[in-house]
Structure formats: structure tokens, C-alpha cells
Protein backbone atom coordinates (compact mmCIF):
# COMPACT_ATOMS: atom_id res chain seq x y z
CA MET A 1 2.43 13.80 -24.31
CA THR A 2 6.30 15.43 -26.12
CA ALA A 3 6.71 17.62 -28.54
CA GLY A 4 5.90 16.75 -31.95
CA SER A 5 4.47 13.53 -30.44
CA SER A 6 0.69 12.79 -31.04
CA ASP A 7 -1.73 10.26 -30.26
CA LYS A 8 -3.20 10.41 -33.41
CA PRO A 9 -2.60 6.02 -34.48
CA ALA A 10 -0.44 5.74 -37.24
CA PRO A 11 -2.37 4.80 -40.16
CA LEU A 12 -2.93 0.90 -42.01
CA ILE A 13 -0.47 0.45 -44.45
CA PHE A 14 -0.50 -3.01 -46.40
CA PRO A 15 2.01 -4.22 -48.82
CA ARG A 16 1.50 -4.16 -52.25
CA THR A 17 2.58 -4.98 -55.45
CA ALA A 18 2.99 -1.47 -58.29
CA ASP A 19 -0.58 -2.35 -59.21
CA GLY A 20 -2.17 -2.61 -55.74
CA LEU A 21 -2.62 -6.03 -55.22
CA LEU A 22 -1.62 -7.80 -51.80
CA VAL A 23 1.25 -10.02 -51.05
CA ARG A 24 1.90 -12.25 -48.75
CA GLU A 25 3.03 -9.82 -45.79
CA SER A 26 0.03 -8.33 -46.12
CA PHE A 27 -1.33 -10.78 -43.73
CA THR A 28 0.54 -11.44 -40.78
CA PRO A 29 -0.53 -11.47 -37.20
CA GLU A 30 0.94 -7.69 -37.07
CA ARG A 31 -1.19 -6.42 -38.98
CA ILE A 32 -4.60 -8.13 -38.09
CA ALA A 33 -4.04 -6.39 -34.96
CA GLN A 34 -3.36 -3.14 -36.44
CA TRP A 35 -6.44 -3.71 -38.36
CA GLN A 36 -8.49 -4.84 -34.97
CA ALA A 37 -6.97 -1.58 -33.28
CA GLU A 38 -8.14 0.19 -36.05
CA ALA A 39 -11.68 -0.96 -35.94
CA ALA A 40 -11.48 -0.02 -32.52
CA ARG A 41 -10.90 3.53 -32.74
CA LEU A 42 -13.21 3.47 -35.69
CA ASN A 43 -15.82 2.20 -33.23
CA ASP A 44 -16.58 -0.37 -36.06
CA GLY A 45 -18.01 -2.68 -33.73
CA MET A 46 -16.87 -5.70 -35.73
CA PRO A 47 -16.35 -8.74 -33.38
CA PHE A 48 -12.56 -9.84 -34.43
CA LEU A 49 -11.57 -13.46 -33.50
CA SER A 50 -8.60 -13.90 -31.22
CA HIS A 51 -5.71 -16.08 -33.33
CA GLU A 52 -6.36 -19.00 -30.81
CA GLU A 53 -9.96 -19.04 -32.46
CA ARG A 54 -8.80 -18.79 -35.93
CA GLU A 55 -6.07 -21.83 -35.30
CA ALA A 56 -8.84 -24.08 -33.66
CA SER A 57 -11.28 -23.17 -36.62
CA ARG A 58 -8.30 -23.93 -38.87
CA ALA A 59 -7.24 -27.07 -37.09
CA SER A 60 -10.94 -28.29 -37.08
CA HIS A 61 -10.98 -27.53 -40.30
CA PHE A 62 -8.06 -29.76 -41.50
CA ALA A 63 -8.50 -32.17 -38.59
CA ASP A 64 -9.16 -35.22 -41.50
CA HIS A 65 -7.30 -33.81 -44.26
CA PRO A 66 -4.42 -36.23 -44.82
CA PRO A 67 -1.14 -35.75 -44.42
CA GLY A 68 1.31 -35.05 -47.32
CA LYS A 69 -1.26 -34.43 -49.51
CA ASP A 70 -2.09 -31.37 -51.57
CA VAL A 71 -5.45 -29.09 -51.20
CA TRP A 72 -7.35 -27.10 -53.44
CA VAL A 73 -9.12 -23.73 -52.43
CA PHE A 74 -12.08 -22.26 -54.42
CA GLY A 75 -12.14 -18.66 -54.64
CA TYR A 76 -14.74 -16.52 -56.61
CA GLY A 77 -13.38 -12.95 -55.93
CA SER A 78 -10.31 -11.36 -54.79
CA LEU A 79 -8.78 -15.03 -54.60
CA MET A 80 -9.29 -15.54 -58.03
CA TRP A 81 -7.21 -12.74 -58.88
CA ASN A 82 -4.77 -11.86 -55.99
CA PRO A 83 -4.82 -14.88 -54.17
CA ALA A 84 -1.42 -14.03 -52.34
CA ILE A 85 -0.09 -16.94 -52.02
CA HIS A 86 1.73 -20.15 -53.40
CA VAL A 87 -0.16 -22.15 -55.71
CA GLU A 88 0.68 -24.66 -58.07
CA GLU A 89 -1.64 -24.74 -60.94
CA SER A 90 -5.06 -23.10 -61.07
CA ARG A 91 -7.98 -24.26 -62.77
CA MET A 92 -11.49 -22.64 -63.71
CA ALA A 93 -13.78 -24.97 -61.46
CA THR A 94 -17.56 -24.47 -60.69
CA LEU A 95 -19.41 -25.33 -57.44
CA GLN A 96 -22.92 -26.31 -57.37
CA GLY A 97 -25.26 -25.09 -54.72
CA TYR A 98 -23.86 -21.72 -54.53
CA SER A 99 -23.49 -18.08 -56.05
CA ARG A 100 -21.94 -14.98 -55.68
CA SER A 101 -23.34 -12.38 -53.37
CA PHE A 102 -22.41 -8.74 -52.25
CA CYS A 103 -23.78 -9.57 -49.04
CA LEU A 104 -21.19 -8.44 -46.17
CA LEU A 105 -21.48 -5.34 -45.11
CA LEU A 106 -17.71 -3.28 -45.36
CA LYS A 107 -17.00 -0.53 -42.40
CA MET A 108 -13.15 -0.80 -42.89
CA GLY A 109 -10.86 -1.94 -45.99
CA ARG A 110 -13.10 -0.91 -49.17
CA GLY A 111 -15.52 1.35 -47.14
CA SER A 112 -16.03 3.79 -43.88
CA PRO A 113 -18.56 4.16 -41.37
CA GLU A 114 -19.92 7.26 -43.45
CA ASN A 115 -20.04 4.59 -46.39
CA PRO A 116 -20.18 1.36 -45.41
CA GLY A 117 -19.29 -0.97 -49.35
CA LEU A 118 -20.50 -4.26 -49.56
CA MET A 119 -17.81 -7.34 -49.99
CA LEU A 120 -18.65 -10.84 -52.19
CA ALA A 121 -19.30 -13.65 -50.67
CA ILE A 122 -21.40 -17.16 -52.21
CA ASP A 123 -24.37 -17.54 -50.60
CA GLU A 124 -26.90 -20.65 -50.73
CA GLY A 125 -28.68 -21.38 -54.30
CA GLY A 126 -27.54 -21.54 -57.87
CA ALA A 127 -23.71 -22.47 -59.44
CA CYS A 128 -20.44 -19.96 -59.42
CA THR A 129 -17.55 -20.89 -61.58
CA GLY A 130 -14.28 -19.44 -60.46
CA ILE A 131 -10.75 -20.71 -60.11
CA ALA A 132 -9.84 -23.68 -57.94
CA HIS A 133 -5.95 -23.54 -56.78
CA ARG A 134 -3.74 -26.38 -55.66
CA ILE A 135 -1.57 -25.66 -52.79
CA ALA A 136 1.86 -28.02 -52.45
CA SER A 137 1.07 -30.68 -49.67
CA GLU A 138 5.05 -28.95 -47.55
CA ARG A 139 2.80 -25.27 -48.15
CA VAL A 140 -0.47 -26.70 -46.90
CA GLU A 141 0.54 -25.39 -43.37
CA SER A 142 1.73 -22.25 -44.27
CA GLU A 143 -0.34 -20.82 -46.89
CA THR A 144 -3.60 -22.00 -45.06
CA ASN A 145 -2.36 -19.89 -42.12
CA ILE A 146 -2.11 -16.64 -43.95
CA LEU A 147 -5.62 -17.62 -45.77
CA TRP A 148 -7.52 -17.75 -42.11
CA MET A 149 -5.78 -14.65 -41.09
CA ARG A 150 -6.95 -13.72 -45.03
CA GLU A 151 -10.89 -14.81 -44.93
CA MET A 152 -11.26 -15.39 -40.91
CA LEU A 153 -10.92 -11.95 -39.31
CA SER A 154 -14.63 -11.63 -37.57
CA GLY A 155 -16.16 -15.10 -38.33
CA ALA A 156 -18.06 -13.56 -41.26
CA TYR A 157 -17.14 -16.71 -43.26
CA ILE A 158 -17.72 -20.41 -43.05
CA PRO A 159 -14.59 -22.78 -43.77
CA ARG A 160 -16.49 -25.88 -45.96
CA TRP A 161 -15.45 -28.59 -47.70
CA VAL A 162 -17.02 -28.82 -51.08
CA GLU A 163 -16.70 -30.83 -54.28
CA LEU A 164 -16.21 -28.67 -57.85
CA GLU A 165 -16.37 -29.80 -60.90
CA VAL A 166 -12.93 -29.25 -62.66
CA GLU A 167 -12.41 -29.84 -66.25
CA GLY A 168 -15.22 -32.87 -66.10
CA GLU A 169 -13.86 -34.36 -63.16
CA ARG A 170 -14.88 -33.78 -59.08
CA GLN A 171 -12.38 -32.28 -56.76
CA ARG A 172 -12.71 -32.01 -53.04
CA ALA A 173 -11.86 -28.61 -52.11
CA PHE A 174 -12.39 -25.84 -49.19
CA THR A 175 -13.83 -22.51 -49.58
CA PHE A 176 -15.17 -19.57 -47.50
CA ILE A 177 -19.07 -19.13 -47.73
CA ILE A 178 -21.01 -16.42 -46.06
CA ASN A 179 -22.13 -16.77 -42.05
CA ARG A 180 -25.72 -15.86 -42.62
CA ALA A 181 -25.79 -15.52 -38.43
CA HIS A 182 -22.63 -12.70 -38.86
CA PRO A 183 -24.10 -9.34 -37.82
CA ARG A 184 -22.72 -7.90 -41.20
CA TYR A 185 -24.36 -10.27 -43.07
CA THR A 186 -27.00 -8.52 -45.25
CA GLY A 187 -29.23 -10.64 -47.17
CA HIS A 188 -30.12 -9.99 -51.01
CA LEU A 189 -30.27 -6.26 -51.31
CA PRO A 190 -31.64 -4.60 -53.77
CA ILE A 191 -29.66 -4.06 -56.58
CA GLU A 192 -29.82 -0.45 -57.13
CA GLN A 193 -28.65 -0.16 -53.03
CA VAL A 194 -25.76 -2.91 -53.59
CA ALA A 195 -24.80 -0.64 -56.43
CA ARG A 196 -24.98 2.63 -55.06
CA GLN A 197 -22.93 1.08 -52.13
CA ILE A 198 -20.25 0.00 -53.71
CA ALA A 199 -19.65 3.19 -56.14
CA HIS A 200 -19.12 5.42 -53.27
CA ALA A 201 -17.52 2.99 -50.69
CA GLU A 202 -13.98 3.58 -50.29
CA GLY A 203 -11.44 2.64 -47.40
CA VAL A 204 -7.54 1.94 -47.03
CA LEU A 205 -7.79 -0.67 -49.09
CA GLY A 206 -9.13 1.01 -51.78
CA LYS A 207 -12.39 1.99 -53.84
CA ASN A 208 -15.29 -0.76 -53.19
CA SER A 209 -15.48 0.10 -56.94
CA ASP A 210 -11.88 -1.42 -58.12
CA TYR A 211 -12.82 -4.73 -56.27
CA LEU A 212 -15.76 -5.37 -58.28
CA PHE A 213 -14.36 -4.35 -61.81
CA ARG A 214 -11.12 -6.66 -60.96
CA THR A 215 -13.20 -8.98 -60.52
CA MET A 216 -15.57 -8.71 -63.52
CA GLY A 217 -11.92 -8.32 -65.30
CA GLU A 218 -11.40 -12.09 -64.39
CA LEU A 219 -14.63 -13.43 -65.40
CA GLU A 220 -14.22 -11.94 -68.56
CA ARG A 221 -10.71 -13.18 -69.16
CA LEU A 222 -12.47 -17.00 -68.18
CA GLY A 223 -15.26 -16.41 -70.22
CA VAL A 224 -17.58 -16.66 -67.68
CA HIS A 225 -21.00 -14.69 -67.65
CA ASP A 226 -22.66 -14.20 -64.01
CA ALA A 227 -25.51 -12.51 -64.53
CA PRO A 228 -25.98 -10.80 -61.35
CA ILE A 229 -22.38 -9.30 -61.04
CA ALA A 230 -22.89 -8.07 -64.42
CA GLU A 231 -25.36 -5.81 -64.11
CA ILE A 232 -24.36 -4.75 -60.88
CA HIS A 233 -21.28 -4.28 -62.83
CA ALA A 234 -22.54 -1.82 -65.41
CA ARG A 235 -24.17 -0.06 -62.85
CA VAL A 236 -21.57 0.49 -60.69
CA ARG A 237 -20.14 2.13 -64.03
CA ALA A 238 -22.86 4.26 -64.57
CA LEU A 239 -23.06 5.65 -61.20
CA THR A 240 -18.82 6.45 -61.06
CA ALA A 241 -18.86 7.60 -64.41
CA ASP A 242 -21.20 10.42 -63.20
CA GLN A 243 -19.49 11.05 -60.22
CA GLN A 244 -16.49 11.50 -62.56
CA ALA A 245 -18.44 14.15 -65.09
CA ALA A 246 -19.76 15.76 -62.01
CA GLN A 247 -16.19 16.49 -60.57
CA GLU A 248 -14.92 17.66 -64.02
CA GLY A 249 -17.84 20.16 -64.03
CA ASN A 250 -16.98 21.41 -60.75
């Protein structure tokens, strides 16, 4: 090792806006390679899809999508408030048969091996209101490439065509549902545990609680009441306030 060099890996740095939102440049093959190297360094154990596997998944998913036609993607978490892709329009939409659930264990991103966080997904049962984004036909290739690098790192989600209710009409779209066979799928945890993990978890992408707060803020902006998310939000707000008070008292 030469003087001044180090075997410590370069820190993960993701381009983002001034208020912390991820951008298109956050999702590139080089960033994913960084992410995979960091997971190996932490002995994270998360299985990563190869570039070829991601592309095969994307090709299979869009095999029957007519060329030259726009496509809609349904967002229920950060895809609502931070899509990081080019969209032509965004509309409030409801998906029947699935509901939000913090059911994906995070040891990176917004969590760590010491304090794992929880990521949002949609799981079977109930209904979910979120945002449908329309991607122009000439941008389907470029924007879905970004979405697959964003959502399909490890196969924790399954891309699925669904029927949405958009302003009283039916609209075909795709979304990402939880893969119940994935090793990081937690099932439905007690709400106290969910709130505790979210309140304490933090990683290179920021605090797990910030993700929840931004998602809740978007739901409030839309006038959407998601009772389980609202209860988790209230509990995490209380826990983080207690943490802040304890820090100020030291």
C-alpha cells in the first residue's frame, strides 16, 4: 500500500437535489456496482440480480406491450414523491387487491446491519391509492431502464400489470409488488416493531423515518387516508420526538 492510500472503499454517493431527492443519475450501472460492493463489504447477504437478469425481467415484462404506446406506472411510496424519471402527467389512482405494508427488511440504504430498517411495498389484500405516472412512448425504454435499476436490484419486488381506477376510468399500468419468496420479506410485523425499527434505522440514503414522513406528507397532500400508515406515522413521530428530547437533555 502506498503512502496516503487506503483499503477503505469509497463512500456511496448518490446524486440528489438540494432537498435530498434522488435524480436520474442516481440510477446507473456504476452506482449499482458500488451498491453491490458495499453490500459485500458489509456482509449484507442480499442477493443481487445481474444486469442480464434485470434486462431479461424487463424484456419479459414488456414483451406484449405494443410498440409506440405510452405506459403507466403506479407509485405508492417514493415513486409518488420522488419518481426520478421523465413523466408526461401524474394522476391519483387506486389499485384494488393490494395495500401498503412495511414488509421488506433494509440493512442498507435507509438502514444498517446494526439497525435494520423497513421498506414499503404493496402486499395482497385491501386497496391502495397512490399516483399513476404516464411515460411517453418514445421514453419507455429509457425510463423503464431506470425503474428496473431502482426497483429490481435484488428481486424483492415483482413487476406486475394491474388495472387501476383513474378518475372513474380503468387504466392498465404496471407496478412493483412484494416478492413473498424473497429472504428479506418480513410478513406483517406487529405495528410496535415496525414503528421502532423505522424510528431508529438510518443509512447512506438517510433516515428510515424521513422516507415515512415524506410518504405520509404526499398522502396528506392527496387527501388520502391510509389508516395503517397513519398509525405507524403517529408512533414514529412520538418515538423520534422522544429521541430528540433525550439528546437535548444530554
